[in-house]
Amino acid sequence: MAIEQLRAAIERRPVIDHARGVLMAAHRLTSEDAWKILVSVSQHSNIKLRTVAVDIVANAPGGDVHGSFPRLIESALEELKAE
């Protein structure tokens, strides 16, 4: 079972890293802050982090870096600024 979990994690990683890059470029964030945004959106929407990342990446070419989660991303950015 551990090998299957490792394989799944490896497959998810590229899209999550890509989404972090999109957020970093769009909002001038560090890698760590982009990670915090992804985690926050995932937790507040109760949607898996990979699914959030796929949505952000899928919408990035059209210029909508928020994808399906504009309010949650804006809220997470505001929380991050308040830290």
PDB file of N, CA and C in Angstrom:
ATOM      1  N   MET A   1       0.821  -1.201   0.000  1.00  0.00           N
ATOM      2  CA  MET A   1       0.000   0.000   0.000  1.00  0.00           C
ATOM      3  C   MET A   1       0.856   1.253   0.000  1.00  0.00           C
ATOM      4  N   ALA A   2       1.969   1.268   0.672  1.00  0.00           N
ATOM      5  CA  ALA A   2       2.824   2.448   0.747  1.00  0.00           C
ATOM      6  C   ALA A   2       3.371   2.823  -0.627  1.00  0.00           C
ATOM      7  N   ILE A   3       3.673   1.845  -1.451  1.00  0.00           N
ATOM      8  CA  ILE A   3       4.189   2.121  -2.791  1.00  0.00           C
ATOM      9  C   ILE A   3       3.116   2.798  -3.637  1.00  0.00           C
ATOM     10  N   GLU A   4       1.888   2.358  -3.515  1.00  0.00           N
ATOM     11  CA  GLU A   4       0.791   2.980  -4.266  1.00  0.00           C
ATOM     12  C   GLU A   4       0.588   4.426  -3.833  1.00  0.00           C
ATOM     13  N   GLN A   5       0.698   4.686  -2.552  1.00  0.00           N
ATOM     14  CA  GLN A   5       0.547   6.048  -2.046  1.00  0.00           C
ATOM     15  C   GLN A   5       1.679   6.939  -2.551  1.00  0.00           C
ATOM     16  N   LEU A   6       2.881   6.390  -2.601  1.00  0.00           N
ATOM     17  CA  LEU A   6       4.026   7.140  -3.108  1.00  0.00           C
ATOM     18  C   LEU A   6       3.849   7.469  -4.585  1.00  0.00           C
ATOM     19  N   ARG A   7       3.401   6.507  -5.365  1.00  0.00           N
ATOM     20  CA  ARG A   7       3.155   6.743  -6.792  1.00  0.00           C
ATOM     21  C   ARG A   7       2.100   7.831  -6.992  1.00  0.00           C
ATOM     22  N   ALA A   8       1.043   7.755  -6.212  1.00  0.00           N
ATOM     23  CA  ALA A   8      -0.021   8.759  -6.327  1.00  0.00           C
ATOM     24  C   ALA A   8       0.512  10.144  -5.981  1.00  0.00           C
ATOM     25  N   ALA A   9       1.339  10.227  -4.953  1.00  0.00           N
ATOM     26  CA  ALA A   9       1.911  11.523  -4.562  1.00  0.00           C
ATOM     27  C   ALA A   9       2.804  12.079  -5.652  1.00  0.00           C
ATOM     28  N   ILE A  10       3.576  11.229  -6.289  1.00  0.00           N
ATOM     29  CA  ILE A  10       4.465  11.662  -7.371  1.00  0.00           C
ATOM     30  C   ILE A  10       3.663  12.174  -8.561  1.00  0.00           C
ATOM     31  N   GLU A  11       2.553  11.529  -8.854  1.00  0.00           N
ATOM     32  CA  GLU A  11       1.712  11.951  -9.980  1.00  0.00           C
ATOM     33  C   GLU A  11       1.030  13.288  -9.705  1.00  0.00           C
ATOM     34  N   ARG A  12       0.684  13.555  -8.450  1.00  0.00           N
ATOM     35  CA  ARG A  12      -0.004  14.807  -8.095  1.00  0.00           C
ATOM     36  C   ARG A  12       0.940  15.998  -8.067  1.00  0.00           C
ATOM     37  N   ARG A  13       2.182  15.755  -7.776  1.00  0.00           N
ATOM     38  CA  ARG A  13       3.135  16.836  -7.511  1.00  0.00           C
ATOM     39  C   ARG A  13       3.274  17.855  -8.641  1.00  0.00           C
ATOM     40  N   PRO A  14       3.419  17.436  -9.906  1.00  0.00           N
ATOM     41  CA  PRO A  14       3.627  18.443 -10.962  1.00  0.00           C
ATOM     42  C   PRO A  14       2.505  19.473 -11.075  1.00  0.00           C
ATOM     43  N   VAL A  15       1.268  19.053 -10.984  1.00  0.00           N
ATOM     44  CA  VAL A  15       0.169  20.010 -11.137  1.00  0.00           C
ATOM     45  C   VAL A  15       0.101  20.944  -9.932  1.00  0.00           C
ATOM     46  N   ILE A  16       0.432  20.446  -8.762  1.00  0.00           N
ATOM     47  CA  ILE A  16       0.438  21.297  -7.575  1.00  0.00           C
ATOM     48  C   ILE A  16       1.556  22.329  -7.684  1.00  0.00           C
ATOM     49  N   ASP A  17       2.727  21.897  -8.127  1.00  0.00           N
ATOM     50  CA  ASP A  17       3.838  22.841  -8.314  1.00  0.00           C
ATOM     51  C   ASP A  17       3.515  23.872  -9.387  1.00  0.00           C
ATOM     52  N   HIS A  18       2.839  23.441 -10.438  1.00  0.00           N
ATOM     53  CA  HIS A  18       2.448  24.370 -11.506  1.00  0.00           C
ATOM     54  C   HIS A  18       1.469  25.413 -10.959  1.00  0.00           C
ATOM     55  N   ALA A  19       0.506  24.964 -10.177  1.00  0.00           N
ATOM     56  CA  ALA A  19      -0.465  25.901  -9.588  1.00  0.00           C
ATOM     57  C   ALA A  19       0.234  26.885  -8.650  1.00  0.00           C
ATOM     58  N   ARG A  20       1.208  26.399  -7.900  1.00  0.00           N
ATOM     59  CA  ARG A  20       1.980  27.304  -7.042  1.00  0.00           C
ATOM     60  C   ARG A  20       2.665  28.366  -7.890  1.00  0.00           C
ATOM     61  N   GLY A  21       3.232  27.945  -9.001  1.00  0.00           N
ATOM     62  CA  GLY A  21       3.895  28.891  -9.896  1.00  0.00           C
ATOM     63  C   GLY A  21       2.937  29.922 -10.455  1.00  0.00           C
ATOM     64  N   VAL A  22       1.745  29.487 -10.813  1.00  0.00           N
ATOM     65  CA  VAL A  22       0.732  30.422 -11.327  1.00  0.00           C
ATOM     66  C   VAL A  22       0.390  31.452 -10.261  1.00  0.00           C
ATOM     67  N   LEU A  23       0.163  30.992  -9.040  1.00  0.00           N
ATOM     68  CA  LEU A  23      -0.166  31.914  -7.951  1.00  0.00           C
ATOM     69  C   LEU A  23       1.001  32.843  -7.640  1.00  0.00           C
ATOM     70  N   MET A  24       2.211  32.304  -7.675  1.00  0.00           N
ATOM     71  CA  MET A  24       3.395  33.125  -7.411  1.00  0.00           C
ATOM     72  C   MET A  24       3.509  34.253  -8.432  1.00  0.00           C
ATOM     73  N   ALA A  25       3.311  33.919  -9.695  1.00  0.00           N
ATOM     74  CA  ALA A  25       3.428  34.927 -10.751  1.00  0.00           C
ATOM     75  C   ALA A  25       2.284  35.939 -10.702  1.00  0.00           C
ATOM     76  N   ALA A  26       1.088  35.459 -10.466  1.00  0.00           N
ATOM     77  CA  ALA A  26      -0.086  36.336 -10.498  1.00  0.00           C
ATOM     78  C   ALA A  26      -0.160  37.270  -9.300  1.00  0.00           C
ATOM     79  N   HIS A  27       0.337  36.811  -8.157  1.00  0.00           N
ATOM     80  CA  HIS A  27       0.163  37.584  -6.933  1.00  0.00           C
ATOM     81  C   HIS A  27       1.478  37.947  -6.247  1.00  0.00           C
ATOM     82  N   ARG A  28       2.577  37.734  -6.958  1.00  0.00           N
ATOM     83  CA  ARG A  28       3.908  38.033  -6.417  1.00  0.00           C
ATOM     84  C   ARG A  28       4.118  37.406  -5.037  1.00  0.00           C
ATOM     85  N   LEU A  29       3.899  36.102  -4.972  1.00  0.00           N
ATOM     86  CA  LEU A  29       4.027  35.354  -3.732  1.00  0.00           C
ATOM     87  C   LEU A  29       5.313  34.545  -3.724  1.00  0.00           C
ATOM     88  N   THR A  30       5.759  34.197  -2.527  1.00  0.00           N
ATOM     89  CA  THR A  30       6.843  33.227  -2.410  1.00  0.00           C
ATOM     90  C   THR A  30       6.242  31.836  -2.621  1.00  0.00           C
ATOM     91  N   SER A  31       7.098  30.867  -2.807  1.00  0.00           N
ATOM     92  CA  SER A  31       6.635  29.494  -2.968  1.00  0.00           C
ATOM     93  C   SER A  31       5.858  29.039  -1.735  1.00  0.00           C
ATOM     94  N   GLU A  32       6.357  29.388  -0.569  1.00  0.00           N
ATOM     95  CA  GLU A  32       5.695  29.004   0.682  1.00  0.00           C
ATOM     96  C   GLU A  32       4.317  29.657   0.807  1.00  0.00           C
ATOM     97  N   ASP A  33       4.224  30.925   0.443  1.00  0.00           N
ATOM     98  CA  ASP A  33       2.935  31.618   0.522  1.00  0.00           C
ATOM     99  C   ASP A  33       1.937  31.058  -0.491  1.00  0.00           C
ATOM    100  N   ALA A  34       2.406  30.708  -1.675  1.00  0.00           N
ATOM    101  CA  ALA A  34       1.524  30.091  -2.669  1.00  0.00           C
ATOM    102  C   ALA A  34       0.997  28.761  -2.142  1.00  0.00           C
ATOM    103  N   TRP A  35       1.858  28.008  -1.451  1.00  0.00           N
ATOM    104  CA  TRP A  35       1.433  26.753  -0.846  1.00  0.00           C
ATOM    105  C   TRP A  35       0.337  27.018   0.195  1.00  0.00           C
ATOM    106  N   LYS A  36       0.523  28.042   1.007  1.00  0.00           N
ATOM    107  CA  LYS A  36      -0.473  28.381   2.028  1.00  0.00           C
ATOM    108  C   LYS A  36      -1.821  28.711   1.391  1.00  0.00           C
ATOM    109  N   ILE A  37      -1.785  29.418   0.254  1.00  0.00           N
ATOM    110  CA  ILE A  37      -3.023  29.775  -0.447  1.00  0.00           C
ATOM    111  C   ILE A  37      -3.726  28.514  -0.924  1.00  0.00           C
ATOM    112  N   LEU A  38      -2.970  27.604  -1.547  1.00  0.00           N
ATOM    113  CA  LEU A  38      -3.566  26.354  -2.035  1.00  0.00           C
ATOM    114  C   LEU A  38      -4.186  25.554  -0.893  1.00  0.00           C
ATOM    115  N   VAL A  39      -3.470  25.434   0.201  1.00  0.00           N
ATOM    116  CA  VAL A  39      -3.972  24.674   1.347  1.00  0.00           C
ATOM    117  C   VAL A  39      -5.225  25.332   1.918  1.00  0.00           C
ATOM    118  N   SER A  40      -5.199  26.647   2.048  1.00  0.00           N
ATOM    119  CA  SER A  40      -6.353  27.364   2.582  1.00  0.00           C
ATOM    120  C   SER A  40      -7.586  27.172   1.704  1.00  0.00           C
ATOM    121  N   VAL A  41      -7.416  27.326   0.397  1.00  0.00           N
ATOM    122  CA  VAL A  41      -8.551  27.152  -0.518  1.00  0.00           C
ATOM    123  C   VAL A  41      -9.078  25.731  -0.433  1.00  0.00           C
ATOM    124  N   SER A  42      -8.182  24.769  -0.388  1.00  0.00           N
ATOM    125  CA  SER A  42      -8.585  23.367  -0.294  1.00  0.00           C
ATOM    126  C   SER A  42      -9.378  23.101   0.981  1.00  0.00           C
ATOM    127  N   GLN A  43      -8.872  23.605   2.093  1.00  0.00           N
ATOM    128  CA  GLN A  43      -9.538  23.373   3.375  1.00  0.00           C
ATOM    129  C   GLN A  43     -10.885  24.078   3.464  1.00  0.00           C
ATOM    130  N   HIS A  44     -10.953  25.322   2.994  1.00  0.00           N
ATOM    131  CA  HIS A  44     -12.194  26.083   3.109  1.00  0.00           C
ATOM    132  C   HIS A  44     -13.263  25.653   2.098  1.00  0.00           C
ATOM    133  N   SER A  45     -12.841  25.026   1.021  1.00  0.00           N
ATOM    134  CA  SER A  45     -13.811  24.555   0.029  1.00  0.00           C
ATOM    135  C   SER A  45     -14.129  23.071   0.217  1.00  0.00           C
ATOM    136  N   ASN A  46     -13.347  22.414   1.090  1.00  0.00           N
ATOM    137  CA  ASN A  46     -13.492  20.973   1.302  1.00  0.00           C
ATOM    138  C   ASN A  46     -13.306  20.202  -0.014  1.00  0.00           C
ATOM    139  N   ILE A  47     -12.358  20.675  -0.815  1.00  0.00           N
ATOM    140  CA  ILE A  47     -12.014  20.053  -2.087  1.00  0.00           C
ATOM    141  C   ILE A  47     -10.538  19.691  -2.026  1.00  0.00           C
ATOM    142  N   LYS A  48     -10.205  18.523  -2.545  1.00  0.00           N
ATOM    143  CA  LYS A  48      -8.818  18.064  -2.493  1.00  0.00           C
ATOM    144  C   LYS A  48      -7.879  19.088  -3.123  1.00  0.00           C
ATOM    145  N   LEU A  49      -6.715  19.213  -2.524  1.00  0.00           N
ATOM    146  CA  LEU A  49      -5.722  20.182  -2.973  1.00  0.00           C
ATOM    147  C   LEU A  49      -5.389  19.981  -4.452  1.00  0.00           C
ATOM    148  N   ARG A  50      -5.232  18.749  -4.889  1.00  0.00           N
ATOM    149  CA  ARG A  50      -4.917  18.474  -6.290  1.00  0.00           C
ATOM    150  C   ARG A  50      -6.016  19.012  -7.210  1.00  0.00           C
ATOM    151  N   THR A  51      -7.267  18.867  -6.809  1.00  0.00           N
ATOM    152  CA  THR A  51      -8.389  19.345  -7.619  1.00  0.00           C
ATOM    153  C   THR A  51      -8.363  20.867  -7.721  1.00  0.00           C
ATOM    154  N   VAL A  52      -8.061  21.531  -6.619  1.00  0.00           N
ATOM    155  CA  VAL A  52      -7.921  22.989  -6.627  1.00  0.00           C
ATOM    156  C   VAL A  52      -6.787  23.384  -7.570  1.00  0.00           C
ATOM    157  N   ALA A  53      -5.664  22.690  -7.476  1.00  0.00           N
ATOM    158  CA  ALA A  53      -4.508  22.988  -8.327  1.00  0.00           C
ATOM    159  C   ALA A  53      -4.840  22.790  -9.802  1.00  0.00           C
ATOM    160  N   VAL A  54      -5.520  21.712 -10.129  1.00  0.00           N
ATOM    161  CA  VAL A  54      -5.900  21.454 -11.525  1.00  0.00           C
ATOM    162  C   VAL A  54      -6.767  22.587 -12.043  1.00  0.00           C
ATOM    163  N   ASP A  55      -7.715  23.055 -11.241  1.00  0.00           N
ATOM    164  CA  ASP A  55      -8.602  24.139 -11.659  1.00  0.00           C
ATOM    165  C   ASP A  55      -7.822  25.431 -11.902  1.00  0.00           C
ATOM    166  N   ILE A  56      -6.896  25.754 -11.020  1.00  0.00           N
ATOM    167  CA  ILE A  56      -6.100  26.974 -11.182  1.00  0.00           C
ATOM    168  C   ILE A  56      -5.250  26.889 -12.441  1.00  0.00           C
ATOM    169  N   VAL A  57      -4.604  25.754 -12.653  1.00  0.00           N
ATOM    170  CA  VAL A  57      -3.760  25.578 -13.844  1.00  0.00           C
ATOM    171  C   VAL A  57      -4.602  25.605 -15.111  1.00  0.00           C
ATOM    172  N   ALA A  58      -5.748  24.957 -15.085  1.00  0.00           N
ATOM    173  CA  ALA A  58      -6.612  24.902 -16.270  1.00  0.00           C
ATOM    174  C   ALA A  58      -7.117  26.278 -16.679  1.00  0.00           C
ATOM    175  N   ASN A  59      -7.299  27.157 -15.712  1.00  0.00           N
ATOM    176  CA  ASN A  59      -7.821  28.489 -16.001  1.00  0.00           C
ATOM    177  C   ASN A  59      -6.744  29.537 -16.226  1.00  0.00           C
ATOM    178  N   ALA A  60      -5.508  29.216 -15.908  1.00  0.00           N
ATOM    179  CA  ALA A  60      -4.420  30.188 -16.037  1.00  0.00           C
ATOM    180  C   ALA A  60      -4.214  30.681 -17.469  1.00  0.00           C
ATOM    181  N   PRO A  61      -4.258  29.807 -18.486  1.00  0.00           N
ATOM    182  CA  PRO A  61      -4.034  30.314 -19.848  1.00  0.00           C
ATOM    183  C   PRO A  61      -5.066  31.359 -20.286  1.00  0.00           C
ATOM    184  N   GLY A  62      -6.274  31.286 -19.737  1.00  0.00           N
ATOM    185  CA  GLY A  62      -7.316  32.249 -20.072  1.00  0.00           C
ATOM    186  C   GLY A  62      -7.224  33.527 -19.266  1.00  0.00           C
ATOM    187  N   GLY A  63      -6.266  33.597 -18.366  1.00  0.00           N
ATOM    188  CA  GLY A  63      -6.067  34.799 -17.581  1.00  0.00           C
ATOM    189  C   GLY A  63      -6.825  34.817 -16.271  1.00  0.00           C
ATOM    190  N   ASP A  64      -7.638  33.794 -16.014  1.00  0.00           N
ATOM    191  CA  ASP A  64      -8.402  33.739 -14.770  1.00  0.00           C
ATOM    192  C   ASP A  64      -7.679  32.844 -13.783  1.00  0.00           C
ATOM    193  N   VAL A  65      -6.697  33.401 -13.081  1.00  0.00           N
ATOM    194  CA  VAL A  65      -5.906  32.577 -12.173  1.00  0.00           C
ATOM    195  C   VAL A  65      -6.714  32.116 -10.966  1.00  0.00           C
ATOM    196  N   HIS A  66      -7.883  32.655 -10.769  1.00  0.00           N
ATOM    197  CA  HIS A  66      -8.715  32.229  -9.656  1.00  0.00           C
ATOM    198  C   HIS A  66      -9.512  30.983  -9.980  1.00  0.00           C
ATOM    199  N   GLY A  67      -9.766  30.719 -11.244  1.00  0.00           N
ATOM    200  CA  GLY A  67     -10.556  29.549 -11.612  1.00  0.00           C
ATOM    201  C   GLY A  67     -11.913  29.584 -10.940  1.00  0.00           C
ATOM    202  N   SER A  68     -12.267  28.483 -10.318  1.00  0.00           N
ATOM    203  CA  SER A  68     -13.571  28.357  -9.669  1.00  0.00           C
ATOM    204  C   SER A  68     -13.583  28.884  -8.238  1.00  0.00           C
ATOM    205  N   PHE A  69     -12.457  29.397  -7.782  1.00  0.00           N
ATOM    206  CA  PHE A  69     -12.327  29.755  -6.374  1.00  0.00           C
ATOM    207  C   PHE A  69     -11.924  31.210  -6.131  1.00  0.00           C
ATOM    208  N   PRO A  70     -12.493  32.183  -6.842  1.00  0.00           N
ATOM    209  CA  PRO A  70     -12.010  33.563  -6.692  1.00  0.00           C
ATOM    210  C   PRO A  70     -12.156  34.113  -5.281  1.00  0.00           C
ATOM    211  N   ARG A  71     -13.280  33.892  -4.655  1.00  0.00           N
ATOM    212  CA  ARG A  71     -13.491  34.444  -3.308  1.00  0.00           C
ATOM    213  C   ARG A  71     -12.573  33.783  -2.291  1.00  0.00           C
ATOM    214  N   LEU A  72     -12.396  32.471  -2.419  1.00  0.00           N
ATOM    215  CA  LEU A  72     -11.535  31.766  -1.468  1.00  0.00           C
ATOM    216  C   LEU A  72     -10.076  32.175  -1.626  1.00  0.00           C
ATOM    217  N   ILE A  73      -9.635  32.384  -2.854  1.00  0.00           N
ATOM    218  CA  ILE A  73      -8.250  32.815  -3.075  1.00  0.00           C
ATOM    219  C   ILE A  73      -8.068  34.228  -2.534  1.00  0.00           C
ATOM    220  N   GLU A  74      -9.006  35.109  -2.818  1.00  0.00           N
ATOM    221  CA  GLU A  74      -8.909  36.481  -2.293  1.00  0.00           C
ATOM    222  C   GLU A  74      -8.915  36.485  -0.771  1.00  0.00           C
ATOM    223  N   SER A  75      -9.756  35.666  -0.182  1.00  0.00           N
ATOM    224  CA  SER A  75      -9.820  35.575   1.272  1.00  0.00           C
ATOM    225  C   SER A  75      -8.498  35.048   1.839  1.00  0.00           C
ATOM    226  N   ALA A  76      -7.928  34.036   1.200  1.00  0.00           N
ATOM    227  CA  ALA A  76      -6.654  33.481   1.655  1.00  0.00           C
ATOM    228  C   ALA A  76      -5.535  34.507   1.503  1.00  0.00           C
ATOM    229  N   LEU A  77      -5.575  35.306   0.433  1.00  0.00           N
ATOM    230  CA  LEU A  77      -4.570  36.356   0.254  1.00  0.00           C
ATOM    231  C   LEU A  77      -4.688  37.410   1.360  1.00  0.00           C
ATOM    232  N   GLU A  78      -5.911  37.764   1.727  1.00  0.00           N
ATOM    233  CA  GLU A  78      -6.119  38.735   2.802  1.00  0.00           C
ATOM    234  C   GLU A  78      -5.607  38.186   4.136  1.00  0.00           C
ATOM    235  N   GLU A  79      -5.875  36.902   4.404  1.00  0.00           N
ATOM    236  CA  GLU A  79      -5.374  36.273   5.635  1.00  0.00           C
ATOM    237  C   GLU A  79      -3.844  36.282   5.652  1.00  0.00           C
ATOM    238  N   LEU A  80      -3.261  36.006   4.510  1.00  0.00           N
ATOM    239  CA  LEU A  80      -1.816  35.965   4.414  1.00  0.00           C
ATOM    240  C   LEU A  80      -1.205  37.343   4.692  1.00  0.00           C
ATOM    241  N   LYS A  81      -1.829  38.380   4.180  1.00  0.00           N
ATOM    242  CA  LYS A  81      -1.357  39.740   4.421  1.00  0.00           C
ATOM    243  C   LYS A  81      -1.473  40.134   5.890  1.00  0.00           C
ATOM    244  N   ALA A  82      -2.467  39.572   6.568  1.00  0.00           N
ATOM    245  CA  ALA A  82      -2.705  39.897   7.970  1.00  0.00           C
ATOM    246  C   ALA A  82      -1.717  39.203   8.913  1.00  0.00           C
ATOM    247  N   GLU A  83      -1.007  38.198   8.408  1.00  0.00           N
ATOM    248  CA  GLU A  83      -0.055  37.463   9.273  1.00  0.00           C
ATOM    249  C   GLU A  83       1.092  38.317   9.705  1.00  0.00           C
TER     250      GLU A  83
END
